[in-house]
N, C-alpha and C. Protein backbone atom coordinates (compact mmCIF):
# COMPACT_ATOMS: atom_id res chain seq x y z
N UNK A 1 26.76 -28.52 20.31
CA UNK A 1 25.99 -27.43 19.72
C UNK A 1 24.75 -28.01 19.06
N UNK A 2 23.64 -27.30 19.21
CA UNK A 2 22.38 -27.76 18.63
C UNK A 2 22.40 -27.56 17.12
N UNK A 3 21.73 -28.46 16.39
CA UNK A 3 21.62 -28.23 14.94
C UNK A 3 20.72 -27.03 14.69
N UNK A 4 21.10 -26.24 13.73
CA UNK A 4 20.32 -25.05 13.38
C UNK A 4 20.65 -23.87 14.25
N UNK A 5 21.53 -24.02 15.20
CA UNK A 5 21.88 -22.92 16.08
C UNK A 5 23.17 -22.27 15.62
N UNK A 6 23.64 -21.32 16.33
CA UNK A 6 24.91 -20.70 16.01
C UNK A 6 24.75 -19.29 15.50
N UNK A 7 25.87 -18.73 15.09
CA UNK A 7 25.89 -17.32 14.67
C UNK A 7 25.12 -17.10 13.37
N UNK A 8 25.13 -18.08 12.48
CA UNK A 8 24.42 -17.92 11.20
C UNK A 8 22.93 -17.79 11.40
N UNK A 9 22.38 -18.57 12.34
CA UNK A 9 20.95 -18.52 12.61
C UNK A 9 20.56 -17.18 13.23
N UNK A 10 21.40 -16.64 14.10
CA UNK A 10 21.14 -15.35 14.73
C UNK A 10 21.16 -14.23 13.69
N UNK A 11 22.13 -14.30 12.78
CA UNK A 11 22.20 -13.30 11.72
C UNK A 11 20.98 -13.39 10.81
N UNK A 12 20.51 -14.61 10.56
CA UNK A 12 19.34 -14.80 9.71
C UNK A 12 18.10 -14.20 10.38
N UNK A 13 17.95 -14.43 11.71
CA UNK A 13 16.81 -13.86 12.42
C UNK A 13 16.87 -12.34 12.43
N UNK A 14 18.07 -11.80 12.56
CA UNK A 14 18.25 -10.35 12.56
C UNK A 14 17.87 -9.77 11.19
N UNK A 15 18.22 -10.50 10.12
CA UNK A 15 17.86 -10.04 8.77
C UNK A 15 16.36 -10.06 8.55
N UNK A 16 15.70 -11.08 9.06
CA UNK A 16 14.23 -11.16 8.93
C UNK A 16 13.58 -10.06 9.74
N UNK A 17 14.10 -9.82 10.95
CA UNK A 17 13.56 -8.77 11.79
C UNK A 17 13.75 -7.39 11.15
N UNK A 18 14.92 -7.18 10.57
CA UNK A 18 15.20 -5.90 9.90
C UNK A 18 14.27 -5.70 8.71
N UNK A 19 14.08 -6.76 7.93
CA UNK A 19 13.18 -6.67 6.77
C UNK A 19 11.75 -6.37 7.22
N UNK A 20 11.33 -6.98 8.34
CA UNK A 20 9.97 -6.73 8.84
C UNK A 20 9.81 -5.28 9.28
N UNK A 21 10.77 -4.76 10.01
CA UNK A 21 10.68 -3.37 10.48
C UNK A 21 10.73 -2.37 9.32
N UNK A 22 11.60 -2.62 8.37
CA UNK A 22 11.71 -1.70 7.23
C UNK A 22 10.41 -1.69 6.44
N UNK A 23 9.81 -2.86 6.23
CA UNK A 23 8.56 -2.91 5.47
C UNK A 23 7.39 -2.33 6.26
N UNK A 24 7.40 -2.46 7.58
CA UNK A 24 6.38 -1.78 8.37
C UNK A 24 6.53 -0.27 8.25
N UNK A 25 7.77 0.21 8.25
CA UNK A 25 8.00 1.65 8.07
C UNK A 25 7.61 2.11 6.67
N UNK A 26 7.80 1.25 5.66
CA UNK A 26 7.33 1.59 4.31
C UNK A 26 5.81 1.68 4.26
N UNK A 27 5.16 0.99 5.16
CA UNK A 27 3.70 1.04 5.21
C UNK A 27 3.15 2.38 5.62
N UNK A 28 3.96 3.19 6.33
CA UNK A 28 3.47 4.50 6.76
C UNK A 28 3.23 5.42 5.57
N UNK A 29 4.20 5.63 4.66
CA UNK A 29 3.86 6.45 3.48
C UNK A 29 2.91 5.74 2.51
N UNK A 30 2.84 4.41 2.59
CA UNK A 30 1.92 3.67 1.72
C UNK A 30 0.47 3.91 2.12
N UNK A 31 0.25 4.51 3.27
CA UNK A 31 -1.11 4.83 3.70
C UNK A 31 -1.77 5.78 2.69
N UNK A 32 -0.99 6.66 2.09
CA UNK A 32 -1.57 7.65 1.15
C UNK A 32 -2.18 6.97 -0.07
N UNK A 33 -1.43 6.18 -0.86
CA UNK A 33 -2.08 5.55 -2.01
C UNK A 33 -3.13 4.52 -1.61
N UNK A 34 -2.94 3.84 -0.49
CA UNK A 34 -3.95 2.87 -0.06
C UNK A 34 -5.24 3.59 0.36
N UNK A 35 -5.13 4.74 0.98
CA UNK A 35 -6.33 5.52 1.34
C UNK A 35 -7.04 6.03 0.09
N UNK A 36 -6.26 6.46 -0.89
CA UNK A 36 -6.88 6.93 -2.13
C UNK A 36 -7.58 5.78 -2.86
N UNK A 37 -6.98 4.61 -2.86
CA UNK A 37 -7.62 3.44 -3.48
C UNK A 37 -8.87 3.05 -2.70
N UNK A 38 -8.82 3.15 -1.38
CA UNK A 38 -9.98 2.85 -0.55
C UNK A 38 -11.12 3.82 -0.86
N UNK A 39 -10.80 5.11 -0.99
CA UNK A 39 -11.82 6.10 -1.32
C UNK A 39 -12.45 5.78 -2.68
N UNK A 40 -11.59 5.44 -3.63
CA UNK A 40 -12.09 5.12 -4.97
C UNK A 40 -13.02 3.91 -4.94
N UNK A 41 -12.66 2.90 -4.17
CA UNK A 41 -13.48 1.68 -4.11
C UNK A 41 -14.75 1.86 -3.30
N UNK A 42 -14.74 2.72 -2.30
CA UNK A 42 -15.91 2.83 -1.44
C UNK A 42 -16.81 4.02 -1.75
N UNK A 43 -16.27 5.07 -2.35
CA UNK A 43 -17.07 6.26 -2.62
C UNK A 43 -17.43 6.41 -4.09
N UNK A 44 -16.44 6.27 -4.96
CA UNK A 44 -16.67 6.56 -6.37
C UNK A 44 -17.30 5.39 -7.13
N UNK A 45 -16.77 4.19 -6.95
CA UNK A 45 -17.27 3.05 -7.72
C UNK A 45 -18.72 2.67 -7.41
N UNK A 46 -19.20 2.78 -6.18
CA UNK A 46 -20.60 2.42 -5.93
C UNK A 46 -21.63 3.40 -6.53
N UNK A 47 -21.20 4.57 -6.98
CA UNK A 47 -22.15 5.55 -7.54
C UNK A 47 -22.65 5.07 -8.90
N UNK A 48 -23.93 5.38 -9.16
CA UNK A 48 -24.52 5.03 -10.44
C UNK A 48 -24.19 6.04 -11.53
N UNK A 49 -23.91 7.29 -11.16
CA UNK A 49 -23.67 8.33 -12.15
C UNK A 49 -22.17 8.53 -12.36
N UNK A 50 -21.81 8.96 -13.55
CA UNK A 50 -20.41 9.17 -13.89
C UNK A 50 -20.12 10.58 -14.40
N UNK A 51 -21.16 11.42 -14.50
CA UNK A 51 -20.95 12.81 -14.94
C UNK A 51 -21.96 13.70 -14.21
N UNK A 52 -21.72 15.00 -14.29
CA UNK A 52 -22.60 15.96 -13.63
C UNK A 52 -23.98 15.94 -14.29
N UNK A 53 -24.06 15.64 -15.56
CA UNK A 53 -25.35 15.57 -16.26
C UNK A 53 -26.24 14.47 -15.69
N UNK A 54 -25.63 13.43 -15.12
CA UNK A 54 -26.41 12.34 -14.56
C UNK A 54 -27.07 12.70 -13.23
N UNK A 55 -26.67 13.80 -12.62
CA UNK A 55 -27.21 14.17 -11.31
C UNK A 55 -28.71 14.45 -11.35
N UNK A 56 -29.21 14.91 -12.49
CA UNK A 56 -30.64 15.25 -12.59
C UNK A 56 -31.51 14.04 -12.92
N UNK A 57 -30.92 12.91 -13.23
CA UNK A 57 -31.68 11.71 -13.57
C UNK A 57 -32.25 11.10 -12.29
N UNK A 58 -33.60 11.03 -12.17
CA UNK A 58 -34.19 10.52 -10.92
C UNK A 58 -34.01 9.01 -10.75
N UNK A 59 -33.68 8.30 -11.80
CA UNK A 59 -33.54 6.85 -11.71
C UNK A 59 -32.20 6.40 -11.14
N UNK A 60 -31.27 7.29 -11.00
CA UNK A 60 -29.95 6.92 -10.50
C UNK A 60 -29.86 7.19 -9.00
N UNK A 61 -29.19 6.31 -8.31
CA UNK A 61 -29.04 6.45 -6.85
C UNK A 61 -27.59 6.72 -6.50
N UNK A 62 -27.40 7.22 -5.31
CA UNK A 62 -26.06 7.45 -4.75
C UNK A 62 -25.23 8.43 -5.57
N UNK A 63 -25.87 9.39 -6.22
CA UNK A 63 -25.13 10.40 -6.98
C UNK A 63 -24.74 11.54 -6.04
N UNK A 64 -23.48 11.90 -6.08
CA UNK A 64 -22.97 12.93 -5.18
C UNK A 64 -22.07 13.85 -6.00
N UNK A 65 -22.40 15.13 -6.03
CA UNK A 65 -21.61 16.08 -6.82
C UNK A 65 -20.19 16.19 -6.30
N UNK A 66 -20.01 16.21 -4.99
CA UNK A 66 -18.67 16.36 -4.40
C UNK A 66 -17.78 15.19 -4.80
N UNK A 67 -18.31 13.99 -4.77
CA UNK A 67 -17.53 12.82 -5.17
C UNK A 67 -17.17 12.90 -6.64
N UNK A 68 -18.11 13.30 -7.48
CA UNK A 68 -17.81 13.46 -8.91
C UNK A 68 -16.76 14.53 -9.14
N UNK A 69 -16.82 15.59 -8.36
CA UNK A 69 -15.87 16.69 -8.51
C UNK A 69 -14.46 16.28 -8.09
N UNK A 70 -14.35 15.47 -7.05
CA UNK A 70 -13.03 15.08 -6.53
C UNK A 70 -12.41 13.89 -7.26
N UNK A 71 -13.19 13.15 -8.01
CA UNK A 71 -12.72 11.90 -8.61
C UNK A 71 -11.48 12.06 -9.50
N UNK A 72 -11.41 13.02 -10.44
CA UNK A 72 -10.22 13.10 -11.30
C UNK A 72 -8.94 13.40 -10.51
N UNK A 73 -9.04 14.27 -9.52
CA UNK A 73 -7.87 14.61 -8.70
C UNK A 73 -7.43 13.40 -7.89
N UNK A 74 -8.38 12.70 -7.31
CA UNK A 74 -8.05 11.52 -6.51
C UNK A 74 -7.41 10.42 -7.36
N UNK A 75 -7.91 10.23 -8.57
CA UNK A 75 -7.33 9.21 -9.46
C UNK A 75 -5.92 9.59 -9.88
N UNK A 76 -5.70 10.87 -10.15
CA UNK A 76 -4.35 11.33 -10.51
C UNK A 76 -3.39 11.13 -9.34
N UNK A 77 -3.81 11.53 -8.14
CA UNK A 77 -2.96 11.36 -6.96
C UNK A 77 -2.70 9.89 -6.68
N UNK A 78 -3.69 9.04 -6.90
CA UNK A 78 -3.50 7.60 -6.72
C UNK A 78 -2.44 7.07 -7.68
N UNK A 79 -2.50 7.50 -8.93
CA UNK A 79 -1.52 7.04 -9.91
C UNK A 79 -0.11 7.51 -9.54
N UNK A 80 0.04 8.77 -9.17
CA UNK A 80 1.36 9.32 -8.85
C UNK A 80 1.93 8.68 -7.59
N UNK A 81 1.16 8.68 -6.50
CA UNK A 81 1.67 8.13 -5.25
C UNK A 81 1.83 6.61 -5.33
N UNK A 82 0.97 5.96 -6.08
CA UNK A 82 1.10 4.51 -6.26
C UNK A 82 2.37 4.14 -6.99
N UNK A 83 2.70 4.89 -8.04
CA UNK A 83 3.95 4.62 -8.77
C UNK A 83 5.18 4.92 -7.91
N UNK A 84 5.13 6.00 -7.14
CA UNK A 84 6.25 6.31 -6.24
C UNK A 84 6.44 5.22 -5.19
N UNK A 85 5.36 4.73 -4.61
CA UNK A 85 5.47 3.67 -3.62
C UNK A 85 5.95 2.37 -4.25
N UNK A 86 5.49 2.07 -5.44
CA UNK A 86 5.95 0.87 -6.13
C UNK A 86 7.45 0.94 -6.38
N UNK A 87 7.93 2.09 -6.82
CA UNK A 87 9.36 2.27 -7.04
C UNK A 87 10.13 2.11 -5.73
N UNK A 88 9.62 2.71 -4.66
CA UNK A 88 10.29 2.62 -3.36
C UNK A 88 10.32 1.18 -2.84
N UNK A 89 9.23 0.47 -2.99
CA UNK A 89 9.18 -0.92 -2.54
C UNK A 89 10.14 -1.78 -3.35
N UNK A 90 10.19 -1.59 -4.66
CA UNK A 90 11.14 -2.35 -5.48
C UNK A 90 12.58 -2.01 -5.12
N UNK A 91 12.85 -0.74 -4.87
CA UNK A 91 14.21 -0.34 -4.52
C UNK A 91 14.65 -0.97 -3.21
N UNK A 92 13.78 -0.98 -2.23
CA UNK A 92 14.15 -1.48 -0.90
C UNK A 92 14.15 -3.00 -0.84
N UNK A 93 13.17 -3.64 -1.45
CA UNK A 93 13.00 -5.08 -1.29
C UNK A 93 13.61 -5.94 -2.39
N UNK A 94 13.95 -5.35 -3.52
CA UNK A 94 14.52 -6.15 -4.62
C UNK A 94 15.91 -5.67 -4.99
N UNK A 95 16.04 -4.40 -5.37
CA UNK A 95 17.31 -3.91 -5.89
C UNK A 95 18.40 -3.80 -4.83
N UNK A 96 18.06 -3.29 -3.65
CA UNK A 96 19.08 -3.12 -2.60
C UNK A 96 19.61 -4.46 -2.08
N UNK A 97 18.74 -5.44 -1.75
CA UNK A 97 19.30 -6.73 -1.31
C UNK A 97 20.14 -7.41 -2.40
N UNK A 98 19.75 -7.25 -3.66
CA UNK A 98 20.53 -7.85 -4.75
C UNK A 98 21.91 -7.20 -4.84
N UNK A 99 21.95 -5.88 -4.70
CA UNK A 99 23.22 -5.16 -4.78
C UNK A 99 24.14 -5.53 -3.63
N UNK A 100 23.57 -5.73 -2.43
CA UNK A 100 24.36 -6.06 -1.26
C UNK A 100 24.64 -7.56 -1.12
N UNK A 101 24.07 -8.36 -2.00
CA UNK A 101 24.29 -9.80 -1.95
C UNK A 101 23.52 -10.50 -0.84
N UNK A 102 22.47 -9.90 -0.35
CA UNK A 102 21.65 -10.51 0.69
C UNK A 102 20.53 -11.33 0.05
N UNK A 103 20.09 -12.36 0.75
CA UNK A 103 18.95 -13.13 0.21
C UNK A 103 17.68 -12.28 0.21
N UNK A 104 16.93 -12.36 -0.86
CA UNK A 104 15.75 -11.51 -1.00
C UNK A 104 14.50 -12.14 -0.39
N UNK A 105 14.56 -13.37 0.04
CA UNK A 105 13.37 -14.05 0.56
C UNK A 105 12.74 -13.33 1.73
N UNK A 106 13.56 -12.95 2.71
CA UNK A 106 13.03 -12.26 3.88
C UNK A 106 12.47 -10.90 3.49
N UNK A 107 13.12 -10.23 2.58
CA UNK A 107 12.66 -8.90 2.17
C UNK A 107 11.36 -8.99 1.38
N UNK A 108 11.27 -9.96 0.47
CA UNK A 108 10.04 -10.10 -0.30
C UNK A 108 8.89 -10.59 0.60
N UNK A 109 9.20 -11.44 1.57
CA UNK A 109 8.18 -11.86 2.52
C UNK A 109 7.71 -10.71 3.40
N UNK A 110 8.61 -9.79 3.69
CA UNK A 110 8.26 -8.64 4.51
C UNK A 110 7.31 -7.68 3.83
N UNK A 111 7.20 -7.75 2.51
CA UNK A 111 6.28 -6.85 1.81
C UNK A 111 4.83 -7.09 2.23
N UNK A 112 4.55 -8.26 2.79
CA UNK A 112 3.19 -8.53 3.28
C UNK A 112 2.83 -7.63 4.46
N UNK A 113 3.83 -7.03 5.09
CA UNK A 113 3.58 -6.16 6.24
C UNK A 113 3.30 -4.71 5.85
N UNK A 114 3.47 -4.37 4.58
CA UNK A 114 3.29 -2.98 4.16
C UNK A 114 1.87 -2.47 4.41
N UNK A 115 0.82 -3.23 4.15
CA UNK A 115 -0.53 -2.70 4.41
C UNK A 115 -0.95 -2.68 5.88
N UNK A 116 -0.12 -3.17 6.80
CA UNK A 116 -0.51 -3.23 8.21
C UNK A 116 -0.82 -1.84 8.79
N UNK A 117 0.00 -0.81 8.58
CA UNK A 117 -0.37 0.51 9.12
C UNK A 117 -1.71 1.03 8.58
N UNK A 118 -2.00 0.76 7.32
CA UNK A 118 -3.28 1.19 6.75
C UNK A 118 -4.43 0.41 7.40
N UNK A 119 -4.24 -0.88 7.61
CA UNK A 119 -5.29 -1.69 8.25
C UNK A 119 -5.54 -1.21 9.68
N UNK A 120 -4.48 -0.85 10.40
CA UNK A 120 -4.64 -0.32 11.76
C UNK A 120 -5.40 1.01 11.70
N UNK A 121 -5.06 1.85 10.73
CA UNK A 121 -5.76 3.13 10.58
C UNK A 121 -7.25 2.91 10.30
N UNK A 122 -7.57 1.94 9.46
CA UNK A 122 -8.97 1.64 9.18
C UNK A 122 -9.70 1.16 10.43
N UNK A 123 -9.03 0.34 11.21
CA UNK A 123 -9.65 -0.17 12.42
C UNK A 123 -9.89 0.93 13.46
N UNK A 124 -9.04 1.93 13.47
CA UNK A 124 -9.17 3.00 14.45
C UNK A 124 -10.17 4.08 14.05
N UNK A 125 -10.56 4.11 12.78
CA UNK A 125 -11.50 5.15 12.35
C UNK A 125 -12.90 4.59 12.16
């Protein structure tokens, strides 16, 4: 028998594969808070104005009433969905493997795959 082979190695590969698939599936609902954070970073933060009163100032650039109007709602939704996703990620990748006695290394490593669906969505749009 080869060193490193056997049933234990197969079970380990299956655990890593399962962790990768589960974290990729977690990436699908994670698209919502990641999209909201992307909007905040690309639309709201580059603006020079922070209130409706600043719209009339000719010295400010990139002022948009619609962006100013949507900003509080988007920030609230980002906070709510971000906290829900954080709880879900902790439950799946930390608490569940600990309760079942599984090693958490593969699960914590799989968290790197969570933003993949969002990155694919960005590439397609």
